[in-house]
Amino acid sequence: MSTSLLDEELILLDYMADDKERLLAQLAAVLHSRGYVKESYGPAVIEREAVFPTGLKTLGVEVAVPHTDPRHVKQAAILVARLAAPVTFKEMGNSGREVAVKLVFMLAVTDPKEHLTTLSKLMAIFSDKEKLLTLYQSDNPKTMILLLNKILA
């Protein structure tokens, strides 16, 4: 993963949200306000999440990886939000089960190949409880970026 996908302005710690749709809209608005995505990104992410859920029952900290079609993206980026309280997502794979997500990796990618590469590298983190917990417990954006860069190098 290119380190240019990570930026301190897109690392949100102890983020508050009432529910999944509001959370997705708010995070998409952050990406939009900073010029990473088009206005259509937020509604597209919410729509895609309803059909193709992205919650993962990972060990230690449950995560979600919301994303949508590259046509809604201007510049590739990853927004990482550590939630102050869990938000319920549906589990990836349409099992119908709920996942109490505490860490969100919102992907904005411009190239479908890059999208798959990014997802597979993130999945490697999600399968390692120690690395995931260390990432979740990071106390500032710089630390989180350093950990992500080290893990994804």
N, C-alpha and C. Protein backbone atom coordinates (compact mmCIF):
# COMPACT_ATOMS: atom_id res chain seq x y z
N MET A 1 0.84 -1.18 0.00
CA MET A 1 0.00 0.00 0.00
C MET A 1 0.88 1.23 0.00
N SER A 2 0.53 2.15 -0.80
CA SER A 2 1.26 3.41 -0.84
C SER A 2 1.00 4.19 0.44
N THR A 3 2.05 4.74 1.02
CA THR A 3 1.86 5.52 2.24
C THR A 3 1.08 6.79 1.95
N SER A 4 0.98 7.20 0.69
CA SER A 4 0.22 8.40 0.36
C SER A 4 -1.28 8.22 0.61
N LEU A 5 -1.73 6.99 0.84
CA LEU A 5 -3.14 6.76 1.16
C LEU A 5 -3.46 7.19 2.59
N LEU A 6 -2.43 7.35 3.42
CA LEU A 6 -2.62 7.69 4.83
C LEU A 6 -2.23 9.15 5.08
N ASP A 7 -3.08 9.83 5.84
CA ASP A 7 -2.83 11.23 6.17
C ASP A 7 -3.38 11.49 7.56
N GLU A 8 -2.66 12.26 8.36
CA GLU A 8 -3.11 12.55 9.73
C GLU A 8 -4.51 13.13 9.77
N GLU A 9 -4.87 13.92 8.78
CA GLU A 9 -6.21 14.54 8.79
C GLU A 9 -7.32 13.50 8.60
N LEU A 10 -6.95 12.30 8.22
CA LEU A 10 -7.94 11.24 8.00
C LEU A 10 -7.87 10.14 9.07
N ILE A 11 -7.19 10.44 10.18
CA ILE A 11 -7.15 9.52 11.33
C ILE A 11 -7.99 10.18 12.42
N LEU A 12 -9.13 9.57 12.72
CA LEU A 12 -10.07 10.14 13.68
C LEU A 12 -10.13 9.24 14.91
N LEU A 13 -9.76 9.78 16.06
CA LEU A 13 -9.73 8.99 17.29
C LEU A 13 -10.92 9.33 18.17
N ASP A 14 -11.50 8.29 18.78
CA ASP A 14 -12.65 8.42 19.67
C ASP A 14 -13.82 9.15 19.01
N TYR A 15 -14.10 8.73 17.80
CA TYR A 15 -15.16 9.33 16.99
C TYR A 15 -16.52 8.86 17.49
N MET A 16 -17.46 9.76 17.60
CA MET A 16 -18.81 9.45 18.09
C MET A 16 -19.80 9.37 16.93
N ALA A 17 -20.63 8.32 16.96
CA ALA A 17 -21.71 8.20 15.97
C ALA A 17 -22.82 7.36 16.58
N ASP A 18 -24.06 7.70 16.24
CA ASP A 18 -25.22 7.01 16.79
C ASP A 18 -25.53 5.70 16.09
N ASP A 19 -25.34 5.70 14.77
CA ASP A 19 -25.66 4.49 14.01
C ASP A 19 -24.81 4.43 12.74
N LYS A 20 -24.90 3.30 12.07
CA LYS A 20 -24.05 3.03 10.91
C LYS A 20 -24.26 4.04 9.79
N GLU A 21 -25.51 4.32 9.42
CA GLU A 21 -25.76 5.23 8.31
C GLU A 21 -25.21 6.63 8.60
N ARG A 22 -25.46 7.11 9.81
CA ARG A 22 -24.96 8.43 10.19
C ARG A 22 -23.43 8.44 10.20
N LEU A 23 -22.84 7.37 10.74
CA LEU A 23 -21.38 7.25 10.76
C LEU A 23 -20.82 7.30 9.35
N LEU A 24 -21.37 6.50 8.45
CA LEU A 24 -20.87 6.46 7.07
C LEU A 24 -21.02 7.82 6.40
N ALA A 25 -22.15 8.47 6.60
CA ALA A 25 -22.36 9.80 6.01
C ALA A 25 -21.35 10.81 6.56
N GLN A 26 -21.10 10.76 7.87
CA GLN A 26 -20.16 11.71 8.49
C GLN A 26 -18.73 11.47 8.01
N LEU A 27 -18.32 10.20 7.95
CA LEU A 27 -16.96 9.90 7.50
C LEU A 27 -16.78 10.27 6.03
N ALA A 28 -17.80 9.99 5.22
CA ALA A 28 -17.75 10.37 3.81
C ALA A 28 -17.66 11.89 3.67
N ALA A 29 -18.35 12.62 4.54
CA ALA A 29 -18.30 14.08 4.51
C ALA A 29 -16.90 14.59 4.82
N VAL A 30 -16.19 13.91 5.72
CA VAL A 30 -14.80 14.28 6.02
C VAL A 30 -13.95 14.12 4.76
N LEU A 31 -14.08 12.97 4.10
CA LEU A 31 -13.33 12.74 2.86
C LEU A 31 -13.70 13.78 1.79
N HIS A 32 -14.98 14.09 1.68
CA HIS A 32 -15.43 15.06 0.68
C HIS A 32 -14.91 16.47 0.99
N SER A 33 -14.99 16.87 2.25
CA SER A 33 -14.56 18.22 2.62
C SER A 33 -13.06 18.44 2.38
N ARG A 34 -12.31 17.36 2.36
CA ARG A 34 -10.86 17.46 2.13
C ARG A 34 -10.48 17.15 0.68
N GLY A 35 -11.49 17.00 -0.17
CA GLY A 35 -11.24 16.87 -1.60
C GLY A 35 -10.88 15.48 -2.10
N TYR A 36 -11.03 14.45 -1.27
CA TYR A 36 -10.67 13.09 -1.69
C TYR A 36 -11.76 12.42 -2.53
N VAL A 37 -13.02 12.77 -2.26
CA VAL A 37 -14.12 12.09 -2.94
C VAL A 37 -15.14 13.09 -3.46
N LYS A 38 -15.96 12.60 -4.39
CA LYS A 38 -17.05 13.41 -4.94
C LYS A 38 -18.23 13.39 -3.96
N GLU A 39 -19.15 14.31 -4.18
CA GLU A 39 -20.33 14.40 -3.33
C GLU A 39 -21.14 13.10 -3.36
N SER A 40 -21.05 12.38 -4.44
CA SER A 40 -21.80 11.13 -4.61
C SER A 40 -21.25 9.98 -3.76
N TYR A 41 -20.06 10.14 -3.20
CA TYR A 41 -19.41 9.06 -2.46
C TYR A 41 -20.24 8.61 -1.25
N GLY A 42 -20.68 9.55 -0.44
CA GLY A 42 -21.42 9.21 0.78
C GLY A 42 -22.65 8.36 0.51
N PRO A 43 -23.58 8.83 -0.34
CA PRO A 43 -24.75 8.01 -0.64
C PRO A 43 -24.38 6.66 -1.27
N ALA A 44 -23.32 6.64 -2.08
CA ALA A 44 -22.91 5.39 -2.72
C ALA A 44 -22.37 4.40 -1.69
N VAL A 45 -21.61 4.88 -0.70
CA VAL A 45 -21.08 4.00 0.35
C VAL A 45 -22.23 3.42 1.18
N ILE A 46 -23.19 4.26 1.54
CA ILE A 46 -24.33 3.81 2.34
C ILE A 46 -25.14 2.76 1.57
N GLU A 47 -25.37 3.02 0.29
CA GLU A 47 -26.12 2.09 -0.55
C GLU A 47 -25.37 0.76 -0.69
N ARG A 48 -24.07 0.82 -0.91
CA ARG A 48 -23.30 -0.41 -1.07
C ARG A 48 -23.26 -1.21 0.23
N GLU A 49 -23.10 -0.52 1.35
CA GLU A 49 -23.04 -1.19 2.65
C GLU A 49 -24.34 -1.95 2.93
N ALA A 50 -25.47 -1.42 2.47
CA ALA A 50 -26.76 -2.09 2.69
C ALA A 50 -26.84 -3.40 1.92
N VAL A 51 -26.19 -3.46 0.75
CA VAL A 51 -26.24 -4.65 -0.10
C VAL A 51 -25.07 -5.59 0.18
N PHE A 52 -23.88 -5.00 0.35
CA PHE A 52 -22.65 -5.77 0.59
C PHE A 52 -22.01 -5.30 1.90
N PRO A 53 -22.45 -5.86 3.03
CA PRO A 53 -21.93 -5.42 4.33
C PRO A 53 -20.42 -5.64 4.45
N THR A 54 -19.78 -4.81 5.28
CA THR A 54 -18.32 -4.89 5.41
C THR A 54 -17.85 -5.11 6.85
N GLY A 55 -18.74 -5.44 7.76
CA GLY A 55 -18.34 -5.72 9.15
C GLY A 55 -17.58 -7.03 9.23
N LEU A 56 -16.53 -7.04 10.03
CA LEU A 56 -15.70 -8.25 10.21
C LEU A 56 -15.56 -8.58 11.69
N LYS A 57 -15.84 -9.82 12.04
CA LYS A 57 -15.68 -10.30 13.42
C LYS A 57 -14.22 -10.69 13.64
N THR A 58 -13.38 -9.70 13.73
CA THR A 58 -11.96 -9.93 13.94
C THR A 58 -11.68 -10.09 15.43
N LEU A 59 -10.59 -10.76 15.75
CA LEU A 59 -10.22 -10.99 17.14
C LEU A 59 -9.76 -9.70 17.81
N GLY A 60 -10.27 -9.45 18.99
CA GLY A 60 -9.83 -8.29 19.76
C GLY A 60 -10.65 -7.05 19.50
N VAL A 61 -10.70 -6.62 18.26
CA VAL A 61 -11.41 -5.41 17.87
C VAL A 61 -12.14 -5.69 16.55
N GLU A 62 -13.45 -5.53 16.55
CA GLU A 62 -14.20 -5.77 15.32
C GLU A 62 -14.12 -4.54 14.43
N VAL A 63 -14.00 -4.78 13.12
CA VAL A 63 -13.75 -3.71 12.17
C VAL A 63 -14.79 -3.71 11.04
N ALA A 64 -14.81 -2.60 10.32
CA ALA A 64 -15.59 -2.49 9.09
C ALA A 64 -14.73 -1.80 8.05
N VAL A 65 -14.96 -2.16 6.79
CA VAL A 65 -14.16 -1.61 5.70
C VAL A 65 -15.10 -1.07 4.61
N PRO A 66 -15.86 -0.02 4.93
CA PRO A 66 -16.79 0.51 3.93
C PRO A 66 -16.04 1.15 2.76
N HIS A 67 -16.60 0.96 1.58
CA HIS A 67 -16.01 1.51 0.35
C HIS A 67 -17.06 1.45 -0.74
N THR A 68 -16.75 2.05 -1.87
CA THR A 68 -17.65 2.00 -3.01
C THR A 68 -16.86 2.14 -4.29
N ASP A 69 -17.57 2.20 -5.38
CA ASP A 69 -16.99 2.23 -6.72
C ASP A 69 -16.01 3.40 -6.89
N PRO A 70 -14.88 3.15 -7.56
CA PRO A 70 -13.86 4.20 -7.76
C PRO A 70 -14.38 5.45 -8.50
N ARG A 71 -15.48 5.34 -9.22
CA ARG A 71 -15.97 6.52 -9.95
C ARG A 71 -16.41 7.65 -9.02
N HIS A 72 -16.56 7.36 -7.73
CA HIS A 72 -16.96 8.37 -6.75
C HIS A 72 -15.76 9.01 -6.05
N VAL A 73 -14.54 8.61 -6.46
CA VAL A 73 -13.32 9.03 -5.77
C VAL A 73 -12.48 9.94 -6.67
N LYS A 74 -11.95 11.02 -6.08
CA LYS A 74 -11.04 11.92 -6.79
C LYS A 74 -9.58 11.55 -6.54
N GLN A 75 -9.27 11.24 -5.27
CA GLN A 75 -7.90 10.93 -4.87
C GLN A 75 -7.93 9.78 -3.86
N ALA A 76 -7.11 8.78 -4.09
CA ALA A 76 -7.10 7.60 -3.21
C ALA A 76 -6.67 7.97 -1.79
N ALA A 77 -7.36 7.35 -0.82
CA ALA A 77 -7.05 7.60 0.60
C ALA A 77 -7.70 6.52 1.45
N ILE A 78 -7.23 6.44 2.68
CA ILE A 78 -7.89 5.60 3.69
C ILE A 78 -8.17 6.48 4.90
N LEU A 79 -9.43 6.53 5.28
CA LEU A 79 -9.82 7.22 6.51
C LEU A 79 -9.95 6.14 7.58
N VAL A 80 -9.29 6.36 8.72
CA VAL A 80 -9.35 5.41 9.82
C VAL A 80 -10.05 6.10 10.98
N ALA A 81 -11.12 5.48 11.48
CA ALA A 81 -11.85 6.03 12.61
C ALA A 81 -11.91 5.02 13.75
N ARG A 82 -11.32 5.39 14.88
CA ARG A 82 -11.47 4.60 16.10
C ARG A 82 -12.69 5.16 16.81
N LEU A 83 -13.70 4.31 16.99
CA LEU A 83 -14.96 4.78 17.53
C LEU A 83 -14.94 4.82 19.06
N ALA A 84 -15.58 5.85 19.61
CA ALA A 84 -15.67 5.99 21.06
C ALA A 84 -16.58 4.91 21.65
N ALA A 85 -17.58 4.51 20.87
CA ALA A 85 -18.49 3.43 21.27
C ALA A 85 -18.79 2.61 20.03
N PRO A 86 -18.97 1.30 20.18
CA PRO A 86 -19.21 0.45 19.02
C PRO A 86 -20.46 0.87 18.23
N VAL A 87 -20.39 0.67 16.92
CA VAL A 87 -21.52 0.90 16.02
C VAL A 87 -21.81 -0.44 15.34
N THR A 88 -23.08 -0.78 15.25
CA THR A 88 -23.48 -2.07 14.68
C THR A 88 -23.46 -2.05 13.16
N PHE A 89 -22.71 -2.98 12.59
CA PHE A 89 -22.67 -3.23 11.16
C PHE A 89 -23.15 -4.66 10.93
N LYS A 90 -23.54 -4.97 9.74
CA LYS A 90 -23.81 -6.35 9.37
C LYS A 90 -22.49 -6.99 8.96
N GLU A 91 -22.38 -8.29 9.20
CA GLU A 91 -21.16 -9.01 8.89
C GLU A 91 -20.99 -9.21 7.38
N MET A 92 -19.75 -9.06 6.92
CA MET A 92 -19.41 -9.30 5.52
C MET A 92 -19.80 -10.72 5.15
N GLY A 93 -20.30 -10.89 3.93
CA GLY A 93 -20.68 -12.22 3.48
C GLY A 93 -22.16 -12.49 3.63
N ASN A 94 -22.91 -11.48 4.02
CA ASN A 94 -24.37 -11.59 4.11
C ASN A 94 -24.87 -12.71 5.03
N SER A 95 -24.17 -12.93 6.14
CA SER A 95 -24.63 -13.92 7.12
C SER A 95 -25.83 -13.38 7.88
N GLY A 96 -25.99 -12.07 7.87
CA GLY A 96 -27.07 -11.45 8.62
C GLY A 96 -26.68 -11.16 10.06
N ARG A 97 -25.53 -11.69 10.50
CA ARG A 97 -25.09 -11.45 11.87
C ARG A 97 -24.62 -10.01 12.05
N GLU A 98 -24.74 -9.53 13.28
CA GLU A 98 -24.30 -8.17 13.58
C GLU A 98 -22.89 -8.18 14.14
N VAL A 99 -22.19 -7.09 13.87
CA VAL A 99 -20.82 -6.91 14.31
C VAL A 99 -20.75 -5.56 15.04
N ALA A 100 -20.19 -5.56 16.25
CA ALA A 100 -20.04 -4.34 17.05
C ALA A 100 -18.70 -3.70 16.69
N VAL A 101 -18.72 -2.87 15.68
CA VAL A 101 -17.50 -2.30 15.11
C VAL A 101 -16.94 -1.18 15.99
N LYS A 102 -15.62 -1.25 16.22
CA LYS A 102 -14.92 -0.21 16.98
C LYS A 102 -13.86 0.51 16.14
N LEU A 103 -13.53 -0.06 14.98
CA LEU A 103 -12.49 0.51 14.13
C LEU A 103 -12.96 0.44 12.68
N VAL A 104 -12.99 1.61 12.02
CA VAL A 104 -13.47 1.69 10.64
C VAL A 104 -12.32 2.11 9.74
N PHE A 105 -12.17 1.38 8.64
CA PHE A 105 -11.21 1.73 7.60
C PHE A 105 -12.03 2.06 6.36
N MET A 106 -12.32 3.34 6.12
CA MET A 106 -13.11 3.74 4.96
C MET A 106 -12.16 3.95 3.79
N LEU A 107 -12.35 3.16 2.75
CA LEU A 107 -11.45 3.19 1.60
C LEU A 107 -12.00 4.08 0.50
N ALA A 108 -11.13 4.92 -0.02
CA ALA A 108 -11.42 5.71 -1.21
C ALA A 108 -10.31 5.36 -2.20
N VAL A 109 -10.63 4.51 -3.16
CA VAL A 109 -9.62 4.08 -4.13
C VAL A 109 -10.07 4.40 -5.54
N THR A 110 -9.09 4.72 -6.38
CA THR A 110 -9.38 5.12 -7.76
C THR A 110 -9.16 4.01 -8.76
N ASP A 111 -8.41 2.99 -8.38
CA ASP A 111 -8.05 1.91 -9.29
C ASP A 111 -8.53 0.58 -8.71
N PRO A 112 -9.35 -0.17 -9.45
CA PRO A 112 -9.86 -1.45 -8.93
C PRO A 112 -8.76 -2.42 -8.50
N LYS A 113 -7.64 -2.46 -9.20
CA LYS A 113 -6.53 -3.34 -8.81
C LYS A 113 -5.95 -2.90 -7.47
N GLU A 114 -5.78 -1.59 -7.31
CA GLU A 114 -5.26 -1.03 -6.05
C GLU A 114 -6.24 -1.35 -4.93
N HIS A 115 -7.51 -1.29 -5.23
CA HIS A 115 -8.56 -1.58 -4.26
C HIS A 115 -8.39 -2.99 -3.71
N LEU A 116 -8.21 -3.97 -4.57
CA LEU A 116 -8.04 -5.35 -4.14
C LEU A 116 -6.75 -5.54 -3.36
N THR A 117 -5.69 -4.90 -3.79
CA THR A 117 -4.41 -4.98 -3.09
C THR A 117 -4.54 -4.39 -1.69
N THR A 118 -5.17 -3.23 -1.60
CA THR A 118 -5.36 -2.56 -0.31
C THR A 118 -6.19 -3.44 0.62
N LEU A 119 -7.28 -3.98 0.09
CA LEU A 119 -8.14 -4.84 0.91
C LEU A 119 -7.37 -6.06 1.42
N SER A 120 -6.59 -6.69 0.56
CA SER A 120 -5.88 -7.89 0.99
C SER A 120 -4.82 -7.57 2.04
N LYS A 121 -4.16 -6.42 1.93
CA LYS A 121 -3.18 -6.03 2.94
C LYS A 121 -3.85 -5.71 4.27
N LEU A 122 -5.00 -5.06 4.21
CA LEU A 122 -5.74 -4.79 5.44
C LEU A 122 -6.21 -6.09 6.09
N MET A 123 -6.65 -7.04 5.28
CA MET A 123 -7.11 -8.32 5.82
C MET A 123 -5.97 -9.02 6.59
N ALA A 124 -4.75 -8.84 6.14
CA ALA A 124 -3.60 -9.42 6.85
C ALA A 124 -3.49 -8.84 8.26
N ILE A 125 -3.78 -7.55 8.40
CA ILE A 125 -3.76 -6.91 9.72
C ILE A 125 -4.91 -7.47 10.57
N PHE A 126 -6.08 -7.59 9.94
CA PHE A 126 -7.27 -8.00 10.68
C PHE A 126 -7.15 -9.42 11.23
N SER A 127 -6.31 -10.23 10.64
CA SER A 127 -6.16 -11.61 11.11
C SER A 127 -5.09 -11.73 12.21
N ASP A 128 -4.45 -10.63 12.57
CA ASP A 128 -3.41 -10.63 13.59
C ASP A 128 -3.91 -9.82 14.80
N LYS A 129 -4.41 -10.54 15.81
CA LYS A 129 -5.01 -9.90 16.98
C LYS A 129 -4.08 -8.88 17.64
N GLU A 130 -2.81 -9.24 17.80
CA GLU A 130 -1.85 -8.34 18.46
C GLU A 130 -1.69 -7.02 17.70
N LYS A 131 -1.47 -7.13 16.38
CA LYS A 131 -1.27 -5.92 15.57
C LYS A 131 -2.53 -5.07 15.55
N LEU A 132 -3.67 -5.73 15.47
CA LEU A 132 -4.94 -5.01 15.43
C LEU A 132 -5.19 -4.27 16.75
N LEU A 133 -4.93 -4.93 17.86
CA LEU A 133 -5.10 -4.28 19.17
C LEU A 133 -4.12 -3.14 19.36
N THR A 134 -2.88 -3.34 18.93
CA THR A 134 -1.88 -2.27 19.03
C THR A 134 -2.33 -1.06 18.21
N LEU A 135 -2.83 -1.32 17.03
CA LEU A 135 -3.32 -0.24 16.17
C LEU A 135 -4.50 0.47 16.84
N TYR A 136 -5.44 -0.29 17.36
CA TYR A 136 -6.63 0.27 18.01
C TYR A 136 -6.26 1.12 19.23
N GLN A 137 -5.23 0.70 19.96
CA GLN A 137 -4.84 1.40 21.18
C GLN A 137 -3.90 2.58 20.93
N SER A 138 -3.58 2.85 19.68
CA SER A 138 -2.72 3.99 19.35
C SER A 138 -3.35 5.26 19.90
N ASP A 139 -2.51 6.13 20.44
CA ASP A 139 -3.05 7.30 21.12
C ASP A 139 -3.03 8.59 20.31
N ASN A 140 -2.47 8.55 19.11
CA ASN A 140 -2.51 9.75 18.27
C ASN A 140 -2.37 9.36 16.79
N PRO A 141 -2.79 10.25 15.90
CA PRO A 141 -2.76 9.94 14.46
C PRO A 141 -1.38 9.57 13.93
N LYS A 142 -0.34 10.27 14.37
CA LYS A 142 1.01 9.96 13.88
C LYS A 142 1.40 8.54 14.23
N THR A 143 1.13 8.14 15.47
CA THR A 143 1.44 6.78 15.90
C THR A 143 0.69 5.76 15.07
N MET A 144 -0.59 6.02 14.83
CA MET A 144 -1.40 5.09 14.04
C MET A 144 -0.85 4.95 12.62
N ILE A 145 -0.46 6.06 12.01
CA ILE A 145 0.10 6.02 10.65
C ILE A 145 1.42 5.25 10.65
N LEU A 146 2.26 5.50 11.64
CA LEU A 146 3.54 4.77 11.73
C LEU A 146 3.30 3.27 11.84
N LEU A 147 2.35 2.87 12.68
CA LEU A 147 2.03 1.45 12.84
C LEU A 147 1.47 0.87 11.55
N LEU A 148 0.57 1.58 10.91
CA LEU A 148 0.00 1.09 9.65
C LEU A 148 1.08 0.96 8.58
N ASN A 149 1.93 1.95 8.47
CA ASN A 149 3.00 1.88 7.46
C ASN A 149 3.93 0.70 7.73
N LYS A 150 4.25 0.45 9.01
CA LYS A 150 5.13 -0.67 9.35
C LYS A 150 4.45 -2.00 9.04
N ILE A 151 3.18 -2.11 9.37
CA ILE A 151 2.43 -3.35 9.15
C ILE A 151 2.23 -3.61 7.67
N LEU A 152 1.99 -2.56 6.92
CA LEU A 152 1.64 -2.72 5.50
C LEU A 152 2.84 -2.62 4.55
N ALA A 153 4.03 -2.37 5.10
CA ALA A 153 5.21 -2.23 4.25
C ALA A 153 5.53 -3.51 3.50
